[in-house]
Amino acid sequence: MRGAACSVISALDDGNSHVCGRNFDWDGSVPIIVKCVPKDGCASIATCDFKNITGSAETVPDNFAYKMLAIAAMMTGGEDCETA
């Protein structure tokens, strides 16, 4: 097995806004996207391998407790966050 090697890209789109992307290309990853839109703050979208939080490729953020764990792991600090 080769070592883990995530790829990340950052670029400017046609509107001169920054865009970025990342992949999780190792076996057993549980990639999640955490979107946070606080009432009084900046919106953010973050990616994370949930396996790094739980230690299990079998655990997914499919219930309230795991969704809250995903949000806490991203340290967004927002009130109106959701996982996708």
N, C-alpha and C. Protein backbone atom coordinates (compact mmCIF):
# COMPACT_ATOMS: atom_id res chain seq x y z
N MET A 1 0.83 -1.18 0.00
CA MET A 1 0.00 0.00 0.00
C MET A 1 0.88 1.25 0.00
N ARG A 2 0.50 2.19 -0.83
CA ARG A 2 1.22 3.46 -0.86
C ARG A 2 0.72 4.35 0.26
N GLY A 3 1.52 5.34 0.61
CA GLY A 3 1.13 6.27 1.67
C GLY A 3 -0.01 7.17 1.25
N ALA A 4 -0.67 7.76 2.22
CA ALA A 4 -1.78 8.68 1.95
C ALA A 4 -1.26 9.92 1.23
N ALA A 5 -2.03 10.41 0.29
CA ALA A 5 -1.61 11.57 -0.48
C ALA A 5 -2.83 12.33 -0.96
N CYS A 6 -3.35 13.21 -0.15
CA CYS A 6 -4.49 14.03 -0.56
C CYS A 6 -4.02 15.10 -1.53
N SER A 7 -4.91 15.48 -2.41
CA SER A 7 -4.64 16.56 -3.36
C SER A 7 -5.48 17.76 -2.98
N VAL A 8 -4.91 18.94 -3.13
CA VAL A 8 -5.61 20.19 -2.85
C VAL A 8 -5.34 21.13 -4.01
N ILE A 9 -6.37 21.88 -4.41
CA ILE A 9 -6.21 22.87 -5.47
C ILE A 9 -6.85 24.17 -5.02
N SER A 10 -6.25 25.28 -5.40
CA SER A 10 -6.79 26.60 -5.12
C SER A 10 -6.64 27.42 -6.39
N ALA A 11 -7.69 28.15 -6.77
CA ALA A 11 -7.65 28.92 -8.01
C ALA A 11 -8.63 30.09 -7.91
N LEU A 12 -8.57 30.98 -8.90
CA LEU A 12 -9.54 32.06 -9.02
C LEU A 12 -10.53 31.69 -10.11
N ASP A 13 -11.84 31.92 -9.85
CA ASP A 13 -12.83 31.64 -10.88
C ASP A 13 -12.99 32.85 -11.79
N ASP A 14 -13.94 32.78 -12.72
CA ASP A 14 -14.13 33.87 -13.68
C ASP A 14 -14.53 35.20 -13.02
N GLY A 15 -15.13 35.12 -11.84
CA GLY A 15 -15.51 36.33 -11.11
C GLY A 15 -14.44 36.81 -10.16
N ASN A 16 -13.24 36.25 -10.27
CA ASN A 16 -12.09 36.60 -9.44
C ASN A 16 -12.28 36.24 -7.96
N SER A 17 -13.15 35.24 -7.71
CA SER A 17 -13.34 34.71 -6.36
C SER A 17 -12.48 33.48 -6.17
N HIS A 18 -12.03 33.30 -4.96
CA HIS A 18 -11.19 32.13 -4.65
C HIS A 18 -12.05 30.88 -4.54
N VAL A 19 -11.63 29.81 -5.18
CA VAL A 19 -12.27 28.51 -5.05
C VAL A 19 -11.19 27.49 -4.69
N CYS A 20 -11.60 26.46 -3.98
CA CYS A 20 -10.63 25.43 -3.61
C CYS A 20 -11.30 24.07 -3.62
N GLY A 21 -10.51 23.04 -3.71
CA GLY A 21 -11.02 21.68 -3.70
C GLY A 21 -10.02 20.75 -3.04
N ARG A 22 -10.53 19.62 -2.56
CA ARG A 22 -9.69 18.64 -1.87
C ARG A 22 -10.30 17.26 -2.07
N ASN A 23 -9.46 16.25 -2.13
CA ASN A 23 -9.99 14.90 -2.20
C ASN A 23 -9.46 14.06 -1.04
N PHE A 24 -10.16 12.98 -0.77
CA PHE A 24 -9.74 11.99 0.22
C PHE A 24 -9.59 10.69 -0.55
N ASP A 25 -8.36 10.34 -0.88
CA ASP A 25 -8.14 9.22 -1.79
C ASP A 25 -7.53 7.99 -1.13
N TRP A 26 -7.69 7.84 0.17
CA TRP A 26 -7.19 6.64 0.82
C TRP A 26 -8.36 5.73 1.16
N ASP A 27 -8.08 4.45 1.33
CA ASP A 27 -9.11 3.47 1.64
C ASP A 27 -9.73 3.74 3.00
N GLY A 28 -11.03 3.54 3.08
CA GLY A 28 -11.72 3.64 4.35
C GLY A 28 -12.03 5.03 4.83
N SER A 29 -11.89 6.04 3.98
CA SER A 29 -12.20 7.39 4.43
C SER A 29 -13.72 7.60 4.45
N VAL A 30 -14.15 8.51 5.30
CA VAL A 30 -15.56 8.88 5.40
C VAL A 30 -15.61 10.40 5.22
N PRO A 31 -15.50 10.86 3.96
CA PRO A 31 -15.48 12.31 3.75
C PRO A 31 -16.83 12.94 4.06
N ILE A 32 -16.80 14.07 4.75
CA ILE A 32 -18.02 14.82 5.04
C ILE A 32 -17.80 16.27 4.68
N ILE A 33 -18.90 16.96 4.45
CA ILE A 33 -18.88 18.40 4.20
C ILE A 33 -19.70 19.04 5.30
N VAL A 34 -19.13 20.03 5.96
CA VAL A 34 -19.83 20.75 7.02
C VAL A 34 -20.05 22.19 6.55
N LYS A 35 -21.31 22.58 6.47
CA LYS A 35 -21.69 23.92 6.03
C LYS A 35 -22.19 24.70 7.24
N CYS A 36 -21.69 25.90 7.42
CA CYS A 36 -22.08 26.73 8.55
C CYS A 36 -22.48 28.12 8.05
N VAL A 37 -23.69 28.55 8.42
CA VAL A 37 -24.18 29.87 8.03
C VAL A 37 -24.69 30.57 9.30
N PRO A 38 -23.76 31.16 10.05
CA PRO A 38 -24.18 31.83 11.29
C PRO A 38 -24.96 33.12 10.99
N LYS A 39 -25.82 33.49 11.92
CA LYS A 39 -26.63 34.71 11.74
C LYS A 39 -25.76 35.96 11.71
N ASP A 40 -24.72 36.00 12.55
CA ASP A 40 -23.87 37.18 12.65
C ASP A 40 -22.41 36.82 12.42
N GLY A 41 -22.10 36.33 11.24
CA GLY A 41 -20.72 35.94 10.96
C GLY A 41 -20.56 35.48 9.52
N CYS A 42 -19.40 35.02 9.23
CA CYS A 42 -19.08 34.57 7.88
C CYS A 42 -19.51 33.13 7.68
N ALA A 43 -20.12 32.86 6.55
CA ALA A 43 -20.48 31.49 6.19
C ALA A 43 -19.23 30.73 5.81
N SER A 44 -19.25 29.43 6.05
CA SER A 44 -18.09 28.61 5.68
C SER A 44 -18.53 27.22 5.28
N ILE A 45 -17.70 26.59 4.48
CA ILE A 45 -17.87 25.19 4.11
C ILE A 45 -16.53 24.53 4.35
N ALA A 46 -16.53 23.41 5.08
CA ALA A 46 -15.29 22.70 5.40
C ALA A 46 -15.42 21.23 5.06
N THR A 47 -14.30 20.59 4.79
CA THR A 47 -14.29 19.15 4.55
C THR A 47 -13.48 18.48 5.65
N CYS A 48 -13.81 17.23 5.89
CA CYS A 48 -13.13 16.48 6.94
C CYS A 48 -13.31 14.99 6.65
N ASP A 49 -12.34 14.20 7.05
CA ASP A 49 -12.51 12.75 7.03
C ASP A 49 -13.04 12.36 8.40
N PHE A 50 -14.30 11.98 8.47
CA PHE A 50 -14.95 11.67 9.75
C PHE A 50 -14.25 10.52 10.48
N LYS A 51 -13.56 9.67 9.72
CA LYS A 51 -12.81 8.57 10.34
C LYS A 51 -11.72 9.11 11.26
N ASN A 52 -11.14 10.27 10.93
CA ASN A 52 -10.12 10.86 11.78
C ASN A 52 -10.69 11.29 13.13
N ILE A 53 -11.99 11.54 13.19
CA ILE A 53 -12.64 11.96 14.42
C ILE A 53 -13.06 10.75 15.25
N THR A 54 -13.66 9.76 14.58
CA THR A 54 -14.24 8.62 15.30
C THR A 54 -13.32 7.42 15.38
N GLY A 55 -12.34 7.33 14.48
CA GLY A 55 -11.47 6.16 14.43
C GLY A 55 -12.10 4.97 13.75
N SER A 56 -13.24 5.16 13.11
CA SER A 56 -13.96 4.05 12.48
C SER A 56 -14.48 4.46 11.11
N ALA A 57 -14.24 3.62 10.12
CA ALA A 57 -14.78 3.86 8.78
C ALA A 57 -16.26 3.45 8.73
N GLU A 58 -16.75 2.80 9.77
CA GLU A 58 -18.14 2.36 9.82
C GLU A 58 -19.06 3.44 10.38
N THR A 59 -18.51 4.41 11.10
CA THR A 59 -19.32 5.45 11.72
C THR A 59 -19.49 6.62 10.77
N VAL A 60 -20.73 6.98 10.52
CA VAL A 60 -21.04 8.11 9.65
C VAL A 60 -21.93 9.09 10.41
N PRO A 61 -21.91 10.38 10.03
CA PRO A 61 -22.72 11.37 10.75
C PRO A 61 -24.20 11.28 10.36
N ASP A 62 -24.86 10.19 10.79
CA ASP A 62 -26.25 9.96 10.40
C ASP A 62 -27.24 10.17 11.55
N ASN A 63 -26.77 10.67 12.68
CA ASN A 63 -27.70 10.98 13.76
C ASN A 63 -27.27 12.30 14.41
N PHE A 64 -28.09 12.80 15.28
CA PHE A 64 -27.84 14.12 15.86
C PHE A 64 -26.49 14.21 16.55
N ALA A 65 -26.15 13.23 17.37
CA ALA A 65 -24.89 13.27 18.14
C ALA A 65 -23.68 13.31 17.21
N TYR A 66 -23.68 12.48 16.18
CA TYR A 66 -22.53 12.47 15.25
C TYR A 66 -22.48 13.74 14.41
N LYS A 67 -23.64 14.31 14.08
CA LYS A 67 -23.64 15.58 13.35
C LYS A 67 -23.06 16.70 14.21
N MET A 68 -23.39 16.71 15.49
CA MET A 68 -22.82 17.71 16.39
C MET A 68 -21.32 17.51 16.55
N LEU A 69 -20.87 16.26 16.58
CA LEU A 69 -19.44 15.96 16.66
C LEU A 69 -18.73 16.48 15.42
N ALA A 70 -19.33 16.32 14.25
CA ALA A 70 -18.73 16.82 13.00
C ALA A 70 -18.60 18.33 13.04
N ILE A 71 -19.63 19.01 13.51
CA ILE A 71 -19.58 20.46 13.59
C ILE A 71 -18.52 20.91 14.59
N ALA A 72 -18.46 20.25 15.73
CA ALA A 72 -17.46 20.61 16.74
C ALA A 72 -16.05 20.39 16.21
N ALA A 73 -15.85 19.35 15.43
CA ALA A 73 -14.52 19.06 14.87
C ALA A 73 -14.06 20.15 13.93
N MET A 74 -14.98 20.79 13.24
CA MET A 74 -14.63 21.85 12.31
C MET A 74 -14.38 23.17 13.04
N MET A 75 -14.80 23.24 14.31
CA MET A 75 -14.61 24.43 15.15
C MET A 75 -15.16 25.68 14.47
N THR A 76 -16.35 25.56 13.88
CA THR A 76 -16.94 26.69 13.17
C THR A 76 -17.46 27.74 14.12
N GLY A 77 -18.01 27.31 15.26
CA GLY A 77 -18.55 28.26 16.22
C GLY A 77 -19.86 28.89 15.80
N GLY A 78 -20.47 28.41 14.70
CA GLY A 78 -21.71 29.00 14.22
C GLY A 78 -22.92 28.37 14.88
N GLU A 79 -24.05 29.06 14.75
CA GLU A 79 -25.30 28.58 15.34
C GLU A 79 -26.10 27.74 14.37
N ASP A 80 -26.11 28.08 13.10
CA ASP A 80 -26.98 27.44 12.12
C ASP A 80 -26.17 26.54 11.19
N CYS A 81 -25.55 25.52 11.73
CA CYS A 81 -24.69 24.64 10.93
C CYS A 81 -25.43 23.37 10.56
N GLU A 82 -25.05 22.78 9.45
CA GLU A 82 -25.64 21.53 9.03
C GLU A 82 -24.58 20.69 8.32
N THR A 83 -24.74 19.37 8.33
CA THR A 83 -23.83 18.51 7.58
C THR A 83 -24.53 18.09 6.30
N ALA A 84 -23.75 17.91 5.25
CA ALA A 84 -24.32 17.48 3.98
C ALA A 84 -23.69 16.18 3.57
